[in-house]
Amino acid sequence: MQAEIIYVGDPMCSWCYGFSPVIQAIYQKHGKSVKMSLKMGGLHPGNDYIVTAEYRRFLLGHWSEIAERTGQGFSFGILDKLGWIYDTEKACRAAVVVRRLQPGSEYPYFAAIQEGFYAFNRDPHDPDTFSRVAEEFGIAREAFLAAYFDDAVKAETAADFDWARAHGVSGFPTVLVRDRRGMAVLTHGYQPLAALEQPLMGWLETSIA
């Protein structure tokens, strides 16, 4: 079995945004020598999470903590608006579209739409929020939107969510490693790059040997 690093995340997961420089560094360093897969975790798919005043206070504290711990830049302006729905399925589906249409671009695209939401507060309910970023990766708006609204892509996105849960992943970010010996967890939750480099290199040395 080919050695594989599997990142399970959600573009609208705040800890995943904090983890973005870490997983992108791993992708840049190892993406050409080992298979790296990106799976959507599905943090809050659906209409159940409405940003009320209470939820706003929680998010503000949560995002502030992540900004302080990771150094990632947050814009908190979106939290001034109440009543919007924190549905992460749409952003996940956008990443699946890019994974389908332009394999190899899904990791940097994932980071770009994370930044769009957290640093620039771009509307996660507007499909053109995602299509405009896809155009930067050479994907035509019409092709992106056709795939975005395709039932097969919606099903593939839901299948990612199911895959994550079937493999015991309920929190994000999670990085799994898989080889002939089976699957193991590299990290469940945020870790700085320095904490992951040694165990990852140790795994790579033994998995490829």
N, C-alpha and C. Protein backbone atom coordinates (compact mmCIF):
# COMPACT_ATOMS: atom_id res chain seq x y z
N MET A 1 0.84 -1.21 0.00
CA MET A 1 0.00 0.00 0.00
C MET A 1 0.87 1.25 0.00
N GLN A 2 0.49 2.22 -0.84
CA GLN A 2 1.20 3.49 -0.90
C GLN A 2 1.02 4.27 0.39
N ALA A 3 2.11 4.82 0.90
CA ALA A 3 2.03 5.65 2.10
C ALA A 3 1.19 6.89 1.81
N GLU A 4 0.39 7.29 2.78
CA GLU A 4 -0.56 8.38 2.55
C GLU A 4 -0.74 9.21 3.82
N ILE A 5 -0.74 10.52 3.63
CA ILE A 5 -1.08 11.46 4.69
C ILE A 5 -2.47 11.99 4.37
N ILE A 6 -3.39 11.91 5.33
CA ILE A 6 -4.78 12.32 5.11
C ILE A 6 -5.11 13.45 6.08
N TYR A 7 -5.42 14.59 5.52
CA TYR A 7 -5.84 15.73 6.35
C TYR A 7 -7.36 15.81 6.34
N VAL A 8 -7.96 15.79 7.51
CA VAL A 8 -9.40 15.91 7.65
C VAL A 8 -9.68 17.26 8.32
N GLY A 9 -10.30 18.15 7.55
CA GLY A 9 -10.56 19.48 8.07
C GLY A 9 -11.83 20.07 7.49
N ASP A 10 -12.07 21.31 7.84
CA ASP A 10 -13.25 22.04 7.35
C ASP A 10 -12.80 23.48 7.14
N PRO A 11 -13.07 24.06 5.96
CA PRO A 11 -12.60 25.43 5.72
C PRO A 11 -13.13 26.45 6.72
N MET A 12 -14.27 26.19 7.34
CA MET A 12 -14.84 27.14 8.29
C MET A 12 -14.64 26.71 9.74
N CYS A 13 -13.76 25.76 9.96
CA CYS A 13 -13.34 25.38 11.31
C CYS A 13 -12.23 26.33 11.74
N SER A 14 -12.43 27.04 12.84
CA SER A 14 -11.46 28.06 13.24
C SER A 14 -10.11 27.48 13.63
N TRP A 15 -10.10 26.33 14.28
CA TRP A 15 -8.82 25.70 14.60
C TRP A 15 -8.11 25.20 13.34
N CYS A 16 -8.89 24.80 12.33
CA CYS A 16 -8.29 24.42 11.05
C CYS A 16 -7.62 25.63 10.40
N TYR A 17 -8.25 26.79 10.53
CA TYR A 17 -7.63 28.01 10.01
C TYR A 17 -6.33 28.29 10.77
N GLY A 18 -6.36 28.13 12.09
CA GLY A 18 -5.12 28.29 12.85
C GLY A 18 -4.05 27.31 12.43
N PHE A 19 -4.47 26.13 12.01
CA PHE A 19 -3.56 25.05 11.62
C PHE A 19 -3.09 25.19 10.17
N SER A 20 -3.68 26.11 9.43
CA SER A 20 -3.42 26.21 8.00
C SER A 20 -1.94 26.34 7.64
N PRO A 21 -1.15 27.20 8.29
CA PRO A 21 0.26 27.28 7.92
C PRO A 21 1.01 25.97 8.16
N VAL A 22 0.55 25.21 9.15
CA VAL A 22 1.21 23.94 9.48
C VAL A 22 0.97 22.91 8.38
N ILE A 23 -0.31 22.70 8.03
CA ILE A 23 -0.62 21.67 7.03
C ILE A 23 -0.13 22.10 5.66
N GLN A 24 -0.14 23.39 5.37
CA GLN A 24 0.38 23.84 4.08
C GLN A 24 1.89 23.63 4.00
N ALA A 25 2.59 23.82 5.11
CA ALA A 25 4.04 23.56 5.13
C ALA A 25 4.32 22.08 4.91
N ILE A 26 3.51 21.22 5.53
CA ILE A 26 3.67 19.78 5.33
C ILE A 26 3.39 19.42 3.87
N TYR A 27 2.37 20.03 3.30
CA TYR A 27 2.04 19.76 1.90
C TYR A 27 3.17 20.20 0.98
N GLN A 28 3.70 21.37 1.22
CA GLN A 28 4.79 21.88 0.38
C GLN A 28 6.04 20.99 0.48
N LYS A 29 6.28 20.49 1.66
CA LYS A 29 7.51 19.70 1.87
C LYS A 29 7.35 18.26 1.39
N HIS A 30 6.17 17.67 1.60
CA HIS A 30 6.02 16.23 1.36
C HIS A 30 5.03 15.87 0.25
N GLY A 31 4.32 16.86 -0.27
CA GLY A 31 3.26 16.56 -1.23
C GLY A 31 3.70 15.91 -2.52
N LYS A 32 4.96 16.10 -2.88
CA LYS A 32 5.46 15.49 -4.12
C LYS A 32 6.05 14.11 -3.90
N SER A 33 6.37 13.78 -2.66
CA SER A 33 7.03 12.49 -2.39
C SER A 33 6.11 11.46 -1.75
N VAL A 34 4.99 11.90 -1.20
CA VAL A 34 4.05 10.98 -0.57
C VAL A 34 2.63 11.44 -0.92
N LYS A 35 1.73 10.52 -1.07
CA LYS A 35 0.36 10.87 -1.39
C LYS A 35 -0.25 11.66 -0.23
N MET A 36 -0.85 12.80 -0.55
CA MET A 36 -1.54 13.59 0.48
C MET A 36 -2.98 13.80 0.05
N SER A 37 -3.91 13.30 0.84
CA SER A 37 -5.34 13.41 0.55
C SER A 37 -5.98 14.44 1.48
N LEU A 38 -7.01 15.09 0.96
CA LEU A 38 -7.75 16.08 1.73
C LEU A 38 -9.20 15.65 1.83
N LYS A 39 -9.67 15.44 3.05
CA LYS A 39 -11.05 15.03 3.31
C LYS A 39 -11.78 16.13 4.07
N MET A 40 -13.03 16.33 3.70
CA MET A 40 -13.85 17.33 4.39
C MET A 40 -14.48 16.71 5.64
N GLY A 41 -14.33 17.41 6.76
CA GLY A 41 -14.85 16.87 8.01
C GLY A 41 -16.32 17.17 8.26
N GLY A 42 -16.80 18.32 7.77
CA GLY A 42 -18.19 18.68 8.01
C GLY A 42 -18.43 19.11 9.44
N LEU A 43 -17.88 20.26 9.80
CA LEU A 43 -17.99 20.74 11.18
C LEU A 43 -19.44 21.02 11.57
N HIS A 44 -20.10 21.88 10.79
CA HIS A 44 -21.50 22.24 11.08
C HIS A 44 -22.30 22.27 9.78
N PRO A 45 -22.55 21.13 9.14
CA PRO A 45 -23.37 21.16 7.94
C PRO A 45 -24.85 21.36 8.29
N GLY A 46 -25.53 22.18 7.51
CA GLY A 46 -26.95 22.37 7.74
C GLY A 46 -27.28 23.71 8.37
N ASN A 47 -28.52 23.83 8.83
CA ASN A 47 -29.06 25.11 9.30
C ASN A 47 -29.23 25.19 10.81
N ASP A 48 -28.52 24.36 11.56
CA ASP A 48 -28.76 24.27 12.99
C ASP A 48 -27.98 25.29 13.82
N TYR A 49 -26.92 25.87 13.25
CA TYR A 49 -26.08 26.78 14.02
C TYR A 49 -26.34 28.22 13.58
N ILE A 50 -27.16 28.91 14.33
CA ILE A 50 -27.50 30.30 14.04
C ILE A 50 -26.71 31.20 14.99
N VAL A 51 -26.10 32.25 14.42
CA VAL A 51 -25.26 33.13 15.23
C VAL A 51 -26.15 34.08 16.01
N THR A 52 -26.41 33.69 17.25
CA THR A 52 -27.14 34.52 18.21
C THR A 52 -26.14 35.36 18.99
N ALA A 53 -26.63 36.21 19.85
CA ALA A 53 -25.73 37.02 20.68
C ALA A 53 -24.86 36.13 21.56
N GLU A 54 -25.45 35.07 22.09
CA GLU A 54 -24.68 34.16 22.94
C GLU A 54 -23.61 33.43 22.14
N TYR A 55 -23.98 32.95 20.96
CA TYR A 55 -23.01 32.24 20.11
C TYR A 55 -21.93 33.21 19.63
N ARG A 56 -22.31 34.46 19.39
CA ARG A 56 -21.32 35.47 18.99
C ARG A 56 -20.26 35.63 20.07
N ARG A 57 -20.68 35.70 21.33
CA ARG A 57 -19.71 35.85 22.43
C ARG A 57 -18.77 34.64 22.48
N PHE A 58 -19.32 33.45 22.27
CA PHE A 58 -18.48 32.25 22.25
C PHE A 58 -17.46 32.31 21.12
N LEU A 59 -17.93 32.66 19.91
CA LEU A 59 -17.03 32.70 18.76
C LEU A 59 -15.95 33.76 18.93
N LEU A 60 -16.33 34.91 19.46
CA LEU A 60 -15.36 35.99 19.65
C LEU A 60 -14.24 35.54 20.58
N GLY A 61 -14.60 34.90 21.68
CA GLY A 61 -13.58 34.42 22.61
C GLY A 61 -12.74 33.30 22.00
N HIS A 62 -13.41 32.42 21.29
CA HIS A 62 -12.75 31.27 20.67
C HIS A 62 -11.76 31.73 19.60
N TRP A 63 -12.20 32.61 18.72
CA TRP A 63 -11.34 33.09 17.65
C TRP A 63 -10.17 33.90 18.22
N SER A 64 -10.42 34.67 19.26
CA SER A 64 -9.35 35.46 19.87
C SER A 64 -8.27 34.54 20.44
N GLU A 65 -8.70 33.45 21.07
CA GLU A 65 -7.74 32.49 21.62
C GLU A 65 -6.90 31.87 20.51
N ILE A 66 -7.54 31.50 19.41
CA ILE A 66 -6.82 30.87 18.30
C ILE A 66 -5.83 31.85 17.67
N ALA A 67 -6.27 33.10 17.50
CA ALA A 67 -5.38 34.12 16.95
C ALA A 67 -4.14 34.29 17.81
N GLU A 68 -4.35 34.32 19.13
CA GLU A 68 -3.22 34.50 20.05
C GLU A 68 -2.29 33.29 20.02
N ARG A 69 -2.85 32.10 19.96
CA ARG A 69 -2.03 30.89 20.02
C ARG A 69 -1.31 30.59 18.72
N THR A 70 -1.95 30.89 17.58
CA THR A 70 -1.38 30.47 16.30
C THR A 70 -0.76 31.61 15.50
N GLY A 71 -1.13 32.85 15.81
CA GLY A 71 -0.62 33.98 15.04
C GLY A 71 -1.40 34.26 13.78
N GLN A 72 -2.45 33.50 13.52
CA GLN A 72 -3.28 33.75 12.34
C GLN A 72 -4.12 35.01 12.53
N GLY A 73 -4.28 35.76 11.43
CA GLY A 73 -5.03 37.00 11.49
C GLY A 73 -6.53 36.78 11.31
N PHE A 74 -7.31 37.30 12.22
CA PHE A 74 -8.77 37.20 12.17
C PHE A 74 -9.37 38.59 12.00
N SER A 75 -10.46 38.67 11.25
CA SER A 75 -11.31 39.85 11.24
C SER A 75 -12.60 39.47 11.95
N PHE A 76 -13.00 40.25 12.93
CA PHE A 76 -14.16 39.91 13.74
C PHE A 76 -15.43 40.62 13.28
N GLY A 77 -15.34 41.36 12.18
CA GLY A 77 -16.48 42.15 11.73
C GLY A 77 -17.72 41.33 11.44
N ILE A 78 -17.53 40.12 10.93
CA ILE A 78 -18.68 39.29 10.59
C ILE A 78 -19.52 38.97 11.82
N LEU A 79 -18.90 39.02 13.00
CA LEU A 79 -19.63 38.70 14.22
C LEU A 79 -20.51 39.84 14.68
N ASP A 80 -20.41 41.00 14.03
CA ASP A 80 -21.30 42.11 14.36
C ASP A 80 -22.71 41.86 13.84
N LYS A 81 -22.81 40.95 12.88
CA LYS A 81 -24.10 40.62 12.29
C LYS A 81 -24.67 39.38 12.97
N LEU A 82 -25.89 39.47 13.45
CA LEU A 82 -26.53 38.33 14.11
C LEU A 82 -27.56 37.70 13.18
N GLY A 83 -27.85 36.43 13.42
CA GLY A 83 -28.90 35.75 12.69
C GLY A 83 -28.45 34.97 11.48
N TRP A 84 -27.15 35.07 11.12
CA TRP A 84 -26.69 34.31 9.97
C TRP A 84 -26.39 32.87 10.39
N ILE A 85 -26.40 31.99 9.42
CA ILE A 85 -26.30 30.56 9.69
C ILE A 85 -24.86 30.09 9.44
N TYR A 86 -24.30 29.45 10.45
CA TYR A 86 -22.92 28.97 10.38
C TYR A 86 -22.93 27.56 9.75
N ASP A 87 -23.25 27.54 8.46
CA ASP A 87 -23.32 26.28 7.71
C ASP A 87 -22.00 26.08 6.97
N THR A 88 -21.26 25.03 7.33
CA THR A 88 -19.94 24.84 6.72
C THR A 88 -19.97 23.90 5.52
N GLU A 89 -21.12 23.34 5.20
CA GLU A 89 -21.19 22.41 4.07
C GLU A 89 -20.81 23.08 2.76
N LYS A 90 -21.22 24.32 2.58
CA LYS A 90 -20.99 25.02 1.32
C LYS A 90 -19.50 25.21 1.04
N ALA A 91 -18.75 25.60 2.06
CA ALA A 91 -17.30 25.76 1.89
C ALA A 91 -16.63 24.41 1.65
N CYS A 92 -17.10 23.39 2.37
CA CYS A 92 -16.56 22.05 2.14
C CYS A 92 -16.82 21.60 0.71
N ARG A 93 -18.04 21.86 0.22
CA ARG A 93 -18.40 21.45 -1.14
C ARG A 93 -17.52 22.18 -2.17
N ALA A 94 -17.21 23.44 -1.91
CA ALA A 94 -16.35 24.19 -2.82
C ALA A 94 -14.97 23.53 -2.93
N ALA A 95 -14.44 23.09 -1.80
CA ALA A 95 -13.14 22.41 -1.82
C ALA A 95 -13.21 21.08 -2.57
N VAL A 96 -14.34 20.38 -2.44
CA VAL A 96 -14.52 19.13 -3.17
C VAL A 96 -14.57 19.39 -4.68
N VAL A 97 -15.20 20.50 -5.08
CA VAL A 97 -15.23 20.86 -6.50
C VAL A 97 -13.81 20.99 -7.05
N VAL A 98 -12.96 21.72 -6.33
CA VAL A 98 -11.59 21.93 -6.80
C VAL A 98 -10.82 20.62 -6.77
N ARG A 99 -11.05 19.81 -5.78
CA ARG A 99 -10.41 18.49 -5.73
C ARG A 99 -10.78 17.66 -6.95
N ARG A 100 -12.02 17.80 -7.41
CA ARG A 100 -12.50 17.07 -8.59
C ARG A 100 -11.95 17.65 -9.89
N LEU A 101 -12.06 18.98 -10.03
CA LEU A 101 -11.76 19.62 -11.30
C LEU A 101 -10.27 19.84 -11.53
N GLN A 102 -9.54 20.05 -10.45
CA GLN A 102 -8.11 20.35 -10.60
C GLN A 102 -7.32 19.70 -9.46
N PRO A 103 -7.20 18.37 -9.50
CA PRO A 103 -6.46 17.67 -8.44
C PRO A 103 -5.05 18.25 -8.29
N GLY A 104 -4.67 18.44 -7.05
CA GLY A 104 -3.38 19.06 -6.76
C GLY A 104 -3.52 20.50 -6.30
N SER A 105 -4.67 21.11 -6.59
CA SER A 105 -4.90 22.50 -6.16
C SER A 105 -5.76 22.58 -4.90
N GLU A 106 -6.27 21.42 -4.44
CA GLU A 106 -7.23 21.48 -3.34
C GLU A 106 -6.61 21.99 -2.03
N TYR A 107 -5.34 21.67 -1.78
CA TYR A 107 -4.73 22.14 -0.53
C TYR A 107 -4.57 23.67 -0.52
N PRO A 108 -3.94 24.27 -1.52
CA PRO A 108 -3.85 25.74 -1.49
C PRO A 108 -5.20 26.43 -1.63
N TYR A 109 -6.14 25.83 -2.35
CA TYR A 109 -7.48 26.41 -2.46
C TYR A 109 -8.17 26.40 -1.10
N PHE A 110 -8.05 25.31 -0.39
CA PHE A 110 -8.62 25.18 0.95
C PHE A 110 -8.12 26.32 1.83
N ALA A 111 -6.81 26.59 1.79
CA ALA A 111 -6.23 27.66 2.60
C ALA A 111 -6.75 29.02 2.15
N ALA A 112 -6.95 29.19 0.85
CA ALA A 112 -7.40 30.49 0.33
C ALA A 112 -8.82 30.81 0.76
N ILE A 113 -9.71 29.82 0.75
CA ILE A 113 -11.08 30.13 1.17
C ILE A 113 -11.18 30.24 2.69
N GLN A 114 -10.31 29.57 3.42
CA GLN A 114 -10.23 29.80 4.86
C GLN A 114 -9.90 31.26 5.14
N GLU A 115 -8.86 31.74 4.47
CA GLU A 115 -8.45 33.13 4.67
C GLU A 115 -9.57 34.09 4.25
N GLY A 116 -10.27 33.73 3.17
CA GLY A 116 -11.37 34.57 2.71
C GLY A 116 -12.42 34.76 3.78
N PHE A 117 -12.75 33.69 4.50
CA PHE A 117 -13.76 33.79 5.55
C PHE A 117 -13.21 34.47 6.80
N TYR A 118 -12.09 33.99 7.30
CA TYR A 118 -11.62 34.46 8.61
C TYR A 118 -10.90 35.79 8.58
N ALA A 119 -10.14 36.06 7.52
CA ALA A 119 -9.39 37.31 7.48
C ALA A 119 -10.16 38.42 6.78
N PHE A 120 -11.05 38.04 5.82
CA PHE A 120 -11.75 39.06 5.04
C PHE A 120 -13.28 38.97 5.16
N ASN A 121 -13.78 38.02 5.93
CA ASN A 121 -15.22 37.89 6.21
C ASN A 121 -16.06 37.79 4.93
N ARG A 122 -15.55 37.07 3.94
CA ARG A 122 -16.32 36.87 2.71
C ARG A 122 -17.50 35.94 2.99
N ASP A 123 -18.61 36.21 2.34
CA ASP A 123 -19.88 35.54 2.60
C ASP A 123 -19.80 34.05 2.24
N PRO A 124 -19.91 33.15 3.22
CA PRO A 124 -19.81 31.72 2.93
C PRO A 124 -21.08 31.13 2.33
N HIS A 125 -22.11 31.97 2.15
CA HIS A 125 -23.36 31.49 1.54
C HIS A 125 -23.47 31.90 0.06
N ASP A 126 -22.52 32.72 -0.40
CA ASP A 126 -22.52 33.17 -1.78
C ASP A 126 -21.60 32.27 -2.60
N PRO A 127 -22.14 31.50 -3.56
CA PRO A 127 -21.28 30.61 -4.35
C PRO A 127 -20.13 31.35 -5.04
N ASP A 128 -20.34 32.63 -5.39
CA ASP A 128 -19.27 33.37 -6.06
C ASP A 128 -18.13 33.72 -5.13
N THR A 129 -18.36 33.66 -3.82
CA THR A 129 -17.24 33.76 -2.88
C THR A 129 -16.21 32.70 -3.21
N PHE A 130 -16.68 31.52 -3.54
CA PHE A 130 -15.79 30.39 -3.81
C PHE A 130 -15.36 30.33 -5.28
N SER A 131 -16.25 30.73 -6.18
CA SER A 131 -15.90 30.66 -7.60
C SER A 131 -14.81 31.67 -7.95
N ARG A 132 -14.83 32.84 -7.30
CA ARG A 132 -13.81 33.84 -7.59
C ARG A 132 -12.42 33.34 -7.19
N VAL A 133 -12.34 32.63 -6.08
CA VAL A 133 -11.06 32.06 -5.67
C VAL A 133 -10.65 30.94 -6.63
N ALA A 134 -11.62 30.14 -7.06
CA ALA A 134 -11.32 29.07 -8.01
C ALA A 134 -10.75 29.62 -9.31
N GLU A 135 -11.23 30.79 -9.73
CA GLU A 135 -10.70 31.41 -10.94
C GLU A 135 -9.22 31.72 -10.81
N GLU A 136 -8.79 32.04 -9.59
CA GLU A 136 -7.37 32.30 -9.36
C GLU A 136 -6.53 31.05 -9.57
N PHE A 137 -7.17 29.90 -9.51
CA PHE A 137 -6.48 28.63 -9.73
C PHE A 137 -6.74 28.09 -11.15
N GLY A 138 -7.29 28.93 -12.00
CA GLY A 138 -7.47 28.55 -13.39
C GLY A 138 -8.74 27.81 -13.70
N ILE A 139 -9.71 27.81 -12.78
CA ILE A 139 -10.99 27.13 -13.00
C ILE A 139 -12.03 28.17 -13.39
N ALA A 140 -12.65 28.00 -14.54
CA ALA A 140 -13.64 28.96 -15.02
C ALA A 140 -14.85 28.99 -14.09
N ARG A 141 -15.42 30.18 -13.92
CA ARG A 141 -16.57 30.35 -13.04
C ARG A 141 -17.71 29.40 -13.41
N GLU A 142 -18.00 29.30 -14.69
CA GLU A 142 -19.12 28.47 -15.13
C GLU A 142 -18.88 27.00 -14.79
N ALA A 143 -17.65 26.54 -14.99
CA ALA A 143 -17.33 25.14 -14.68
C ALA A 143 -17.41 24.90 -13.19
N PHE A 144 -16.91 25.85 -12.41
CA PHE A 144 -16.97 25.71 -10.96
C PHE A 144 -18.41 25.63 -10.48
N LEU A 145 -19.24 26.58 -10.92
CA LEU A 145 -20.61 26.63 -10.42
C LEU A 145 -21.42 25.43 -10.88
N ALA A 146 -21.17 24.96 -12.09
CA ALA A 146 -21.88 23.76 -12.56
C ALA A 146 -21.59 22.58 -11.66
N ALA A 147 -20.33 22.43 -11.27
CA ALA A 147 -19.96 21.34 -10.37
C ALA A 147 -20.48 21.58 -8.96
N TYR A 148 -20.43 22.83 -8.52
CA TYR A 148 -20.85 23.18 -7.15
C TYR A 148 -22.31 22.80 -6.90
N PHE A 149 -23.14 22.96 -7.90
CA PHE A 149 -24.57 22.66 -7.75
C PHE A 149 -24.93 21.24 -8.21
N ASP A 150 -23.94 20.49 -8.63
CA ASP A 150 -24.17 19.12 -9.10
C ASP A 150 -24.48 18.19 -7.92
N ASP A 151 -25.52 17.41 -8.05
CA ASP A 151 -25.90 16.49 -6.97
C ASP A 151 -24.79 15.49 -6.66
N ALA A 152 -24.01 15.12 -7.67
CA ALA A 152 -22.92 14.17 -7.44
C ALA A 152 -21.85 14.76 -6.53
N VAL A 153 -21.61 16.07 -6.66
CA VAL A 153 -20.62 16.74 -5.80
C VAL A 153 -21.17 16.88 -4.39
N LYS A 154 -22.46 17.18 -4.29
CA LYS A 154 -23.08 17.24 -2.96
C LYS A 154 -22.97 15.88 -2.27
N ALA A 155 -23.18 14.81 -3.03
CA ALA A 155 -23.09 13.47 -2.46
C ALA A 155 -21.65 13.13 -2.08
N GLU A 156 -20.70 13.57 -2.90
CA GLU A 156 -19.29 13.32 -2.59
C GLU A 156 -18.88 14.05 -1.31
N THR A 157 -19.40 15.26 -1.14
CA THR A 157 -19.10 16.02 0.08
C THR A 157 -19.68 15.31 1.30
N ALA A 158 -20.91 14.86 1.20
CA ALA A 158 -21.52 14.11 2.31
C ALA A 158 -20.76 12.82 2.57
N ALA A 159 -20.24 12.18 1.51
CA ALA A 159 -19.47 10.95 1.68
C ALA A 159 -18.18 11.22 2.45
N ASP A 160 -17.58 12.40 2.24
CA ASP A 160 -16.40 12.78 3.03
C ASP A 160 -16.76 12.85 4.51
N PHE A 161 -17.90 13.50 4.80
CA PHE A 161 -18.32 13.61 6.21
C PHE A 161 -18.49 12.21 6.81
N ASP A 162 -19.13 11.34 6.06
CA ASP A 162 -19.37 9.97 6.54
C ASP A 162 -18.05 9.24 6.74
N TRP A 163 -17.11 9.44 5.81
CA TRP A 163 -15.79 8.78 5.92
C TRP A 163 -15.10 9.21 7.22
N ALA A 164 -15.14 10.49 7.49
CA ALA A 164 -14.48 10.99 8.70
C ALA A 164 -15.07 10.33 9.94
N ARG A 165 -16.39 10.30 10.02
CA ARG A 165 -17.02 9.72 11.21
C ARG A 165 -16.80 8.22 11.29
N ALA A 166 -16.78 7.55 10.16
CA ALA A 166 -16.53 6.11 10.15
C ALA A 166 -15.13 5.78 10.63
N HIS A 167 -14.21 6.73 10.48
CA HIS A 167 -12.84 6.52 10.94
C HIS A 167 -12.58 7.18 12.29
N GLY A 168 -13.64 7.52 12.98
CA GLY A 168 -13.51 8.02 14.35
C GLY A 168 -13.07 9.46 14.47
N VAL A 169 -13.18 10.22 13.38
CA VAL A 169 -12.75 11.62 13.41
C VAL A 169 -13.98 12.49 13.67
N SER A 170 -14.00 13.12 14.82
CA SER A 170 -15.12 13.99 15.17
C SER A 170 -14.68 15.41 15.49
N GLY A 171 -13.38 15.65 15.50
CA GLY A 171 -12.84 16.98 15.77
C GLY A 171 -11.79 17.32 14.73
N PHE A 172 -11.64 18.60 14.48
CA PHE A 172 -10.74 19.05 13.42
C PHE A 172 -9.86 20.19 13.93
N PRO A 173 -8.64 20.29 13.40
CA PRO A 173 -8.03 19.47 12.37
C PRO A 173 -7.57 18.11 12.88
N THR A 174 -7.59 17.13 12.01
CA THR A 174 -7.02 15.81 12.30
C THR A 174 -6.15 15.41 11.11
N VAL A 175 -4.98 14.89 11.41
CA VAL A 175 -4.10 14.36 10.37
C VAL A 175 -3.87 12.88 10.65
N LEU A 176 -4.19 12.06 9.67
CA LEU A 176 -4.00 10.62 9.76
C LEU A 176 -2.88 10.20 8.82
N VAL A 177 -2.21 9.14 9.17
CA VAL A 177 -1.21 8.55 8.27
C VAL A 177 -1.58 7.09 8.05
N ARG A 178 -1.37 6.62 6.83
CA ARG A 178 -1.77 5.26 6.49
C ARG A 178 -0.71 4.62 5.61
N ASP A 179 -0.35 3.39 5.94
CA ASP A 179 0.56 2.62 5.10
C ASP A 179 0.21 1.15 5.24
N ARG A 180 1.11 0.27 4.85
CA ARG A 180 0.84 -1.17 4.87
C ARG A 180 0.53 -1.69 6.27
N ARG A 181 0.94 -0.95 7.29
CA ARG A 181 0.71 -1.37 8.67
C ARG A 181 -0.66 -0.95 9.18
N GLY A 182 -1.34 -0.09 8.43
CA GLY A 182 -2.65 0.40 8.84
C GLY A 182 -2.66 1.91 8.98
N MET A 183 -3.63 2.41 9.72
CA MET A 183 -3.82 3.85 9.89
C MET A 183 -3.51 4.27 11.31
N ALA A 184 -2.93 5.45 11.44
CA ALA A 184 -2.60 5.99 12.76
C ALA A 184 -2.86 7.49 12.75
N VAL A 185 -2.97 8.06 13.93
CA VAL A 185 -3.23 9.50 14.09
C VAL A 185 -1.90 10.22 14.27
N LEU A 186 -1.63 11.19 13.40
CA LEU A 186 -0.47 12.06 13.61
C LEU A 186 -0.83 13.17 14.58
N THR A 187 -1.98 13.78 14.39
CA THR A 187 -2.47 14.75 15.36
C THR A 187 -3.99 14.84 15.30
N HIS A 188 -4.57 14.97 16.44
CA HIS A 188 -6.00 15.24 16.55
C HIS A 188 -6.11 16.56 17.29
N GLY A 189 -6.32 17.64 16.53
CA GLY A 189 -6.30 18.97 17.11
C GLY A 189 -5.06 19.73 16.68
N TYR A 190 -5.05 21.01 16.99
CA TYR A 190 -3.95 21.88 16.58
C TYR A 190 -2.64 21.49 17.26
N GLN A 191 -1.58 21.44 16.46
CA GLN A 191 -0.23 21.33 16.96
C GLN A 191 0.67 22.19 16.08
N PRO A 192 1.68 22.84 16.65
CA PRO A 192 2.60 23.60 15.80
C PRO A 192 3.46 22.65 14.97
N LEU A 193 4.02 23.17 13.91
CA LEU A 193 4.81 22.34 13.00
C LEU A 193 5.96 21.65 13.72
N ALA A 194 6.60 22.35 14.64
CA ALA A 194 7.75 21.77 15.34
C ALA A 194 7.39 20.50 16.09
N ALA A 195 6.14 20.42 16.56
CA ALA A 195 5.72 19.24 17.32
C ALA A 195 5.42 18.05 16.42
N LEU A 196 5.21 18.30 15.14
CA LEU A 196 4.81 17.23 14.22
C LEU A 196 5.94 16.74 13.33
N GLU A 197 6.98 17.55 13.17
CA GLU A 197 8.03 17.20 12.22
C GLU A 197 8.72 15.88 12.55
N GLN A 198 9.10 15.70 13.80
CA GLN A 198 9.84 14.48 14.17
C GLN A 198 8.99 13.22 14.03
N PRO A 199 7.77 13.18 14.59
CA PRO A 199 6.97 11.96 14.41
C PRO A 199 6.60 11.71 12.96
N LEU A 200 6.38 12.76 12.18
CA LEU A 200 6.06 12.56 10.77
C LEU A 200 7.26 12.00 10.02
N MET A 201 8.44 12.53 10.26
CA MET A 201 9.63 12.02 9.58
C MET A 201 9.91 10.58 9.99
N GLY A 202 9.68 10.27 11.26
CA GLY A 202 9.87 8.89 11.71
C GLY A 202 8.93 7.93 11.01
N TRP A 203 7.67 8.35 10.85
CA TRP A 203 6.70 7.53 10.15
C TRP A 203 7.08 7.36 8.68
N LEU A 204 7.49 8.46 8.03
CA LEU A 204 7.85 8.39 6.63
C LEU A 204 9.02 7.44 6.39
N GLU A 205 10.01 7.53 7.26
CA GLU A 205 11.20 6.67 7.10
C GLU A 205 10.84 5.21 7.16
N THR A 206 9.93 4.84 8.05
CA THR A 206 9.58 3.43 8.19
C THR A 206 8.51 2.98 7.19
N SER A 207 7.67 3.90 6.74
CA SER A 207 6.60 3.52 5.84
C SER A 207 7.10 3.36 4.41
N ILE A 208 8.09 4.15 4.04
CA ILE A 208 8.62 4.10 2.68
C ILE A 208 9.72 3.05 2.56
N ALA A 209 10.35 2.73 3.68
CA ALA A 209 11.47 1.77 3.65
C ALA A 209 11.01 0.41 3.14
